[in-house]
Amino acid sequence: MIYVQLGNIGTAMVTPFSPDGMIDYAQTATLLEHLIANGTDSVVVSGTTGESPTLTVTEKKELLDFVVKVVNKRIPVIAGTGSNNTAESIELTKAAELSGADGIMLVTPYYNKPDQKGMYAHFSTIAHATALPILLYNIPSRSIVNLLPETVIALSKIDNIKAIKEASGNLEQMAEIIEGTADDFEVYSGDDGLTLPLLSIGGRGIISVSSHVVGNEMQKMIQAFQNGDTKEAADIHRSLLPVFRALFSTPNPVPVKYALEKIGVATGGVRLPLVEMDASEGAMIDVALENFEKRTRIL
């Protein structure tokens, strides 16, 4: 097994849809080129931002096959194969192996609310069924369950469990994971606004939504921090916060798809039960992006 580094920024990619609600593969190719040119080090396909709950198993497999071919090894491609059904997760993981994906992302099981022993069994069973590197994904706000540090630390001892996307919003929890795992186990933020705070306590980077729109600026922030220029990193962080807030002002990925349209990267609408933004909600995004551009020119 070779672990391909995810880099500073992995983008949790939206899934472009055509007007009839089907996956738009031409726009997917355009989006991938946009992301690669604008600060993305790796992409996650069929994650939450990709509207995975409304994608069929067949759609997930076909989309991943397409993305792997278009990317053509230029950046790592991570397949979102996790669900609350261990057997289905293994089926999707086997498909990811066949597609040539560089790794998989496994979300904490939602709705059936397993305890820590159940989550350990779920993740370890999938890990032992594949040779692919694994990025765990902890997001209590969506799954209800919280993958606790002691469980992450135990899972990190399995050879192919290599990293976690931590979207608990709890820096203390993230610090516990960093402290208790080996140096080569990587902790990524799942919240754009916590990218810099996480870096400051030893985290690796961000699995981002906002990088669709401000990826280059996020890279500048991370690189400034890595170069020891904490003042510049903090300045960029503060300038980005209003954009981050705007891009999560209604359920993800509704705002980021709207913002992509505004910058000329069409990705279509969203599938029910998500709905489009109304005019006042869209205006909030417009203001945030305009103010960011103004402040960036000053900086």
Protein backbone atom coordinates (compact mmCIF):
# COMPACT_ATOMS: atom_id res chain seq x y z
CA MET A 1 0.00 0.00 0.00
CA ILE A 2 1.31 3.44 -0.95
CA TYR A 3 -0.23 6.39 0.87
CA VAL A 4 -0.58 9.37 -1.47
CA GLN A 5 -0.38 12.62 0.52
CA LEU A 6 -3.55 14.70 0.38
CA GLY A 7 -1.63 17.98 0.64
CA ASN A 8 -2.72 21.17 2.37
CA ILE A 9 -6.19 21.36 0.81
CA GLY A 10 -8.46 18.54 -0.23
CA THR A 11 -11.64 19.82 -1.85
CA ALA A 12 -14.89 18.06 -1.00
CA MET A 13 -16.14 18.39 -4.57
CA VAL A 14 -19.71 19.32 -5.49
CA THR A 15 -21.48 17.11 -8.01
CA PRO A 16 -22.54 19.11 -11.09
CA PHE A 17 -26.08 18.43 -12.30
CA SER A 18 -27.75 19.18 -15.62
CA PRO A 19 -31.17 20.90 -15.75
CA ASP A 20 -32.87 17.49 -15.72
CA GLY A 21 -31.12 16.58 -12.46
CA MET A 22 -28.66 14.07 -13.92
CA ILE A 23 -24.91 14.22 -13.37
CA ASP A 24 -23.37 16.65 -15.85
CA TYR A 25 -20.08 15.06 -16.84
CA ALA A 26 -18.95 17.90 -19.13
CA GLN A 27 -19.31 20.37 -16.26
CA THR A 28 -17.61 17.90 -13.91
CA ALA A 29 -14.56 17.96 -16.17
CA THR A 30 -14.61 21.78 -16.24
CA LEU A 31 -14.94 21.91 -12.45
CA LEU A 32 -11.98 19.58 -11.97
CA GLU A 33 -9.77 21.78 -14.15
CA HIS A 34 -10.91 24.83 -12.16
CA LEU A 35 -10.08 23.15 -8.85
CA ILE A 36 -6.66 21.91 -9.97
CA ALA A 37 -5.79 25.43 -11.19
CA ASN A 38 -7.05 27.10 -8.02
CA GLY A 39 -5.32 25.62 -5.02
CA THR A 40 -6.74 22.11 -4.69
CA ASP A 41 -4.18 19.43 -3.78
CA SER A 42 -6.66 16.51 -3.81
CA VAL A 43 -10.38 15.94 -4.35
CA VAL A 44 -13.00 13.97 -2.44
CA VAL A 45 -15.76 12.59 -4.68
CA SER A 46 -19.27 11.76 -3.42
CA GLY A 47 -18.89 13.24 0.02
CA THR A 48 -21.51 15.30 1.80
CA THR A 49 -20.77 18.30 -0.44
CA GLY A 50 -21.21 16.02 -3.44
CA GLU A 51 -24.78 15.31 -2.28
CA SER A 52 -23.93 11.68 -1.62
CA PRO A 53 -27.29 10.94 0.08
CA THR A 54 -29.07 11.50 -3.23
CA LEU A 55 -26.56 9.70 -5.47
CA THR A 56 -27.34 6.09 -6.32
CA VAL A 57 -24.65 3.43 -5.95
CA THR A 58 -24.43 3.25 -9.75
CA GLU A 59 -24.02 7.05 -10.01
CA LYS A 60 -21.28 7.02 -7.38
CA LYS A 61 -19.34 4.35 -9.26
CA GLU A 62 -19.73 6.06 -12.65
CA LEU A 63 -18.83 9.48 -11.27
CA LEU A 64 -15.71 8.15 -9.59
CA ASP A 65 -14.60 6.33 -12.75
CA PHE A 66 -15.01 9.56 -14.70
CA VAL A 67 -13.16 11.74 -12.17
CA VAL A 68 -10.21 9.31 -11.96
CA LYS A 69 -9.88 9.35 -15.74
CA VAL A 70 -10.09 13.15 -16.06
CA VAL A 71 -7.67 13.81 -13.22
CA ASN A 72 -5.25 11.26 -14.67
CA LYS A 73 -2.98 11.10 -11.58
CA ARG A 74 -2.39 14.87 -11.48
CA ILE A 75 -3.77 15.00 -7.92
CA PRO A 76 -5.04 12.28 -5.55
CA VAL A 77 -8.71 11.27 -5.88
CA ILE A 78 -10.44 10.11 -2.70
CA ALA A 79 -13.74 8.24 -2.98
CA GLY A 80 -16.47 8.82 -0.44
CA THR A 81 -17.47 5.19 0.14
CA GLY A 82 -18.72 5.40 3.71
CA SER A 83 -22.33 4.98 4.81
CA ASN A 84 -24.28 3.60 7.75
CA ASN A 85 -24.31 0.20 6.04
CA THR A 86 -20.99 -1.63 6.45
CA ALA A 87 -21.64 -4.12 3.65
CA GLU A 88 -22.60 -1.36 1.20
CA SER A 89 -19.50 0.62 2.21
CA ILE A 90 -17.35 -2.40 1.39
CA GLU A 91 -19.10 -2.78 -1.99
CA LEU A 92 -18.37 0.86 -2.85
CA THR A 93 -14.81 0.51 -1.57
CA LYS A 94 -14.22 -2.47 -3.88
CA ALA A 95 -15.52 -0.34 -6.76
CA ALA A 96 -13.13 2.44 -5.74
CA GLU A 97 -10.24 -0.03 -5.94
CA LEU A 98 -11.26 -0.99 -9.46
CA SER A 99 -11.62 2.65 -10.51
CA GLY A 100 -8.04 3.50 -9.55
CA ALA A 101 -8.94 5.85 -6.68
CA ASP A 102 -6.03 6.81 -4.44
CA GLY A 103 -7.95 6.34 -1.20
CA ILE A 104 -11.36 6.31 0.44
CA MET A 105 -13.19 8.48 2.94
CA LEU A 106 -15.42 6.79 5.53
CA VAL A 107 -18.00 8.89 7.35
CA THR A 108 -19.23 7.99 10.82
CA PRO A 109 -22.43 5.90 10.50
CA TYR A 110 -25.49 8.12 10.66
CA TYR A 111 -29.06 7.44 11.84
CA ASN A 112 -28.44 4.01 13.41
CA LYS A 113 -26.25 5.66 16.10
CA PRO A 114 -23.61 3.01 16.86
CA ASP A 115 -21.57 3.32 20.05
CA GLN A 116 -17.77 3.51 20.07
CA LYS A 117 -17.41 -0.30 19.90
CA GLY A 118 -19.77 -0.38 16.93
CA MET A 119 -17.89 2.38 15.11
CA TYR A 120 -14.55 0.66 15.74
CA ALA A 121 -15.98 -2.58 14.34
CA HIS A 122 -17.48 -0.77 11.33
CA PHE A 123 -14.28 1.03 10.34
CA SER A 124 -11.93 -1.85 11.11
CA THR A 125 -14.07 -4.29 9.10
CA ILE A 126 -13.92 -2.01 6.04
CA ALA A 127 -10.19 -1.39 6.54
CA HIS A 128 -9.46 -5.11 6.57
CA ALA A 129 -11.45 -5.53 3.33
CA THR A 130 -9.26 -3.15 1.31
CA ALA A 131 -5.67 -2.15 0.70
CA LEU A 132 -6.65 1.46 -0.01
CA PRO A 133 -5.58 4.19 2.44
CA ILE A 134 -8.45 5.45 4.58
CA LEU A 135 -9.49 8.95 5.64
CA LEU A 136 -11.95 8.76 8.53
CA TYR A 137 -14.64 11.46 8.64
CA ASN A 138 -16.12 12.56 11.95
CA ILE A 139 -19.10 14.90 11.65
CA PRO A 140 -21.37 14.75 14.71
CA SER A 141 -23.67 17.53 13.44
CA ARG A 142 -24.81 15.27 10.59
CA SER A 143 -24.33 11.75 11.96
CA ILE A 144 -25.28 12.46 15.63
CA VAL A 145 -22.48 10.15 16.84
CA ASN A 146 -19.05 11.52 17.80
CA LEU A 147 -15.99 9.39 17.04
CA LEU A 148 -14.05 9.94 20.26
CA PRO A 149 -10.27 10.46 20.39
CA GLU A 150 -9.60 7.11 22.07
CA THR A 151 -11.44 5.32 19.26
CA VAL A 152 -9.57 7.28 16.58
CA ILE A 153 -6.27 6.49 18.32
CA ALA A 154 -7.13 2.77 18.38
CA LEU A 155 -8.18 2.84 14.70
CA SER A 156 -4.97 4.67 13.73
CA LYS A 157 -3.03 1.54 14.66
CA ILE A 158 -4.61 -0.26 11.67
CA ASP A 159 -2.06 0.04 8.86
CA ASN A 160 -4.24 1.60 6.17
CA ILE A 161 -6.16 4.06 8.38
CA LYS A 162 -4.00 7.10 7.72
CA ALA A 163 -5.92 10.28 8.49
CA ILE A 164 -9.12 11.85 9.79
CA LYS A 165 -11.30 14.70 8.63
CA GLU A 166 -12.39 16.16 11.95
CA ALA A 167 -15.59 18.19 11.69
CA SER A 168 -16.56 18.12 15.36
CA GLY A 169 -15.48 21.75 15.71
CA ASN A 170 -13.71 20.75 18.93
CA LEU A 171 -10.06 21.79 18.91
CA GLU A 172 -9.46 20.07 22.24
CA GLN A 173 -10.63 16.79 20.73
CA MET A 174 -8.43 17.34 17.69
CA ALA A 175 -5.42 18.05 19.93
CA GLU A 176 -6.05 14.78 21.79
CA ILE A 177 -6.01 12.87 18.51
CA ILE A 178 -2.81 14.57 17.35
CA GLU A 179 -1.14 13.87 20.70
CA GLY A 180 -2.22 10.23 20.82
CA THR A 181 -1.46 9.14 17.25
CA ALA A 182 1.80 8.54 15.40
CA ASP A 183 3.47 11.44 13.63
CA ASP A 184 2.44 10.09 10.22
CA PHE A 185 -1.28 10.05 11.11
CA GLU A 186 -2.76 13.25 9.67
CA VAL A 187 -5.58 15.33 11.14
CA TYR A 188 -7.52 17.53 8.72
CA SER A 189 -10.14 20.08 9.67
CA GLY A 190 -13.61 19.58 8.27
CA ASP A 191 -14.50 23.21 9.02
CA ASP A 192 -12.95 25.90 6.82
CA GLY A 193 -12.92 28.43 9.65
CA LEU A 194 -10.78 26.15 11.83
CA THR A 195 -8.03 25.59 9.26
CA LEU A 196 -5.53 27.98 10.81
CA PRO A 197 -6.36 27.14 14.45
CA LEU A 198 -5.88 23.45 13.67
CA LEU A 199 -2.55 24.09 11.96
CA SER A 200 -1.40 25.91 15.08
CA ILE A 201 -1.87 22.78 17.22
CA GLY A 202 -0.20 20.41 14.76
CA GLY A 203 -2.96 19.57 12.25
CA ARG A 204 -2.18 18.91 8.60
CA GLY A 205 -4.70 20.93 6.58
CA ILE A 206 -8.33 21.17 5.48
CA ILE A 207 -10.87 19.09 3.58
CA SER A 208 -12.63 22.14 2.27
CA VAL A 209 -15.82 23.40 0.68
CA SER A 210 -14.75 27.03 0.35
CA SER A 211 -11.69 26.04 -1.71
CA HIS A 212 -14.07 25.78 -4.67
CA VAL A 213 -14.08 29.58 -4.61
CA VAL A 214 -11.10 30.82 -2.55
CA GLY A 215 -8.67 27.91 -2.82
CA ASN A 216 -5.65 30.00 -3.84
CA GLU A 217 -6.19 32.39 -0.94
CA MET A 218 -6.48 29.49 1.48
CA GLN A 219 -3.22 28.08 0.14
CA LYS A 220 -1.55 31.46 0.72
CA MET A 221 -2.74 31.41 4.32
CA ILE A 222 -1.44 27.89 4.93
CA GLN A 223 1.88 28.58 3.22
CA ALA A 224 2.34 31.78 5.20
CA PHE A 225 1.83 29.81 8.41
CA GLN A 226 4.21 27.07 7.28
CA ASN A 227 6.83 29.73 6.44
CA GLY A 228 6.56 31.21 9.93
CA ASP A 229 4.69 34.36 8.91
CA THR A 230 1.88 34.00 11.43
CA LYS A 231 0.80 37.63 11.07
CA GLU A 232 0.12 37.27 7.34
CA ALA A 233 -1.60 33.93 7.94
CA ALA A 234 -3.84 35.50 10.59
CA ASP A 235 -4.64 38.47 8.34
CA ILE A 236 -5.74 36.16 5.52
CA HIS A 237 -7.68 33.97 7.97
CA ARG A 238 -9.69 36.95 9.21
CA SER A 239 -10.37 38.14 5.67
CA LEU A 240 -11.67 34.68 4.73
CA LEU A 241 -14.02 34.21 7.68
CA PRO A 242 -16.96 36.19 6.19
CA VAL A 243 -16.68 34.10 3.01
CA PHE A 244 -16.68 30.88 5.03
CA ARG A 245 -19.77 32.02 6.95
CA ALA A 246 -21.58 32.99 3.74
CA LEU A 247 -20.81 29.66 2.09
CA PHE A 248 -22.54 27.85 4.96
CA SER A 249 -25.44 30.29 5.38
CA THR A 250 -27.89 27.71 4.03
CA PRO A 251 -27.44 23.93 3.79
CA ASN A 252 -24.25 22.82 2.04
CA PRO A 253 -23.71 22.69 -0.97
CA VAL A 254 -26.43 25.19 -1.94
CA PRO A 255 -24.34 28.34 -1.26
CA VAL A 256 -21.12 27.07 -2.84
CA LYS A 257 -22.93 26.02 -6.01
CA TYR A 258 -24.42 29.52 -6.18
CA ALA A 259 -20.96 31.06 -5.66
CA LEU A 260 -19.42 28.87 -8.34
CA GLU A 261 -22.06 30.09 -10.79
CA LYS A 262 -21.16 33.69 -9.87
CA ILE A 263 -17.49 33.13 -10.71
CA GLY A 264 -18.34 31.44 -14.02
CA VAL A 265 -18.09 27.76 -13.09
CA ALA A 266 -21.56 26.33 -13.66
CA THR A 267 -22.42 23.26 -11.57
CA GLY A 268 -26.21 23.35 -11.82
CA GLY A 269 -28.74 23.09 -9.06
CA VAL A 270 -29.20 20.73 -6.13
CA ARG A 271 -31.37 17.66 -5.69
CA LEU A 272 -34.34 17.53 -3.39
CA PRO A 273 -34.73 17.69 -0.44
CA LEU A 274 -32.28 20.60 -0.84
CA VAL A 275 -33.64 23.70 -2.58
CA GLU A 276 -32.09 26.71 -4.26
CA MET A 277 -31.30 29.96 -2.47
CA ASP A 278 -33.78 32.81 -2.68
CA ALA A 279 -32.78 36.31 -3.80
CA SER A 280 -32.01 37.65 -0.33
CA GLU A 281 -29.85 34.62 0.51
CA GLY A 282 -27.99 34.99 -2.78
CA ALA A 283 -27.40 38.66 -2.07
CA MET A 284 -25.59 37.71 1.14
CA ILE A 285 -23.15 35.58 -0.87
CA ASP A 286 -22.67 38.40 -3.38
CA VAL A 287 -21.80 40.89 -0.64
CA ALA A 288 -19.37 38.51 1.07
CA LEU A 289 -17.51 37.81 -2.18
CA GLU A 290 -17.41 41.49 -3.17
CA ASN A 291 -16.11 42.56 0.25
CA PHE A 292 -13.48 39.84 0.16
CA GLU A 293 -12.25 40.98 -3.25
CA LYS A 294 -12.01 44.56 -1.99
CA ARG A 295 -10.12 43.56 1.14
CA THR A 296 -7.80 41.27 -0.85
CA ARG A 297 -6.84 44.20 -3.08
CA ILE A 298 -5.98 46.22 0.02
CA LEU A 299 -3.95 43.38 1.55
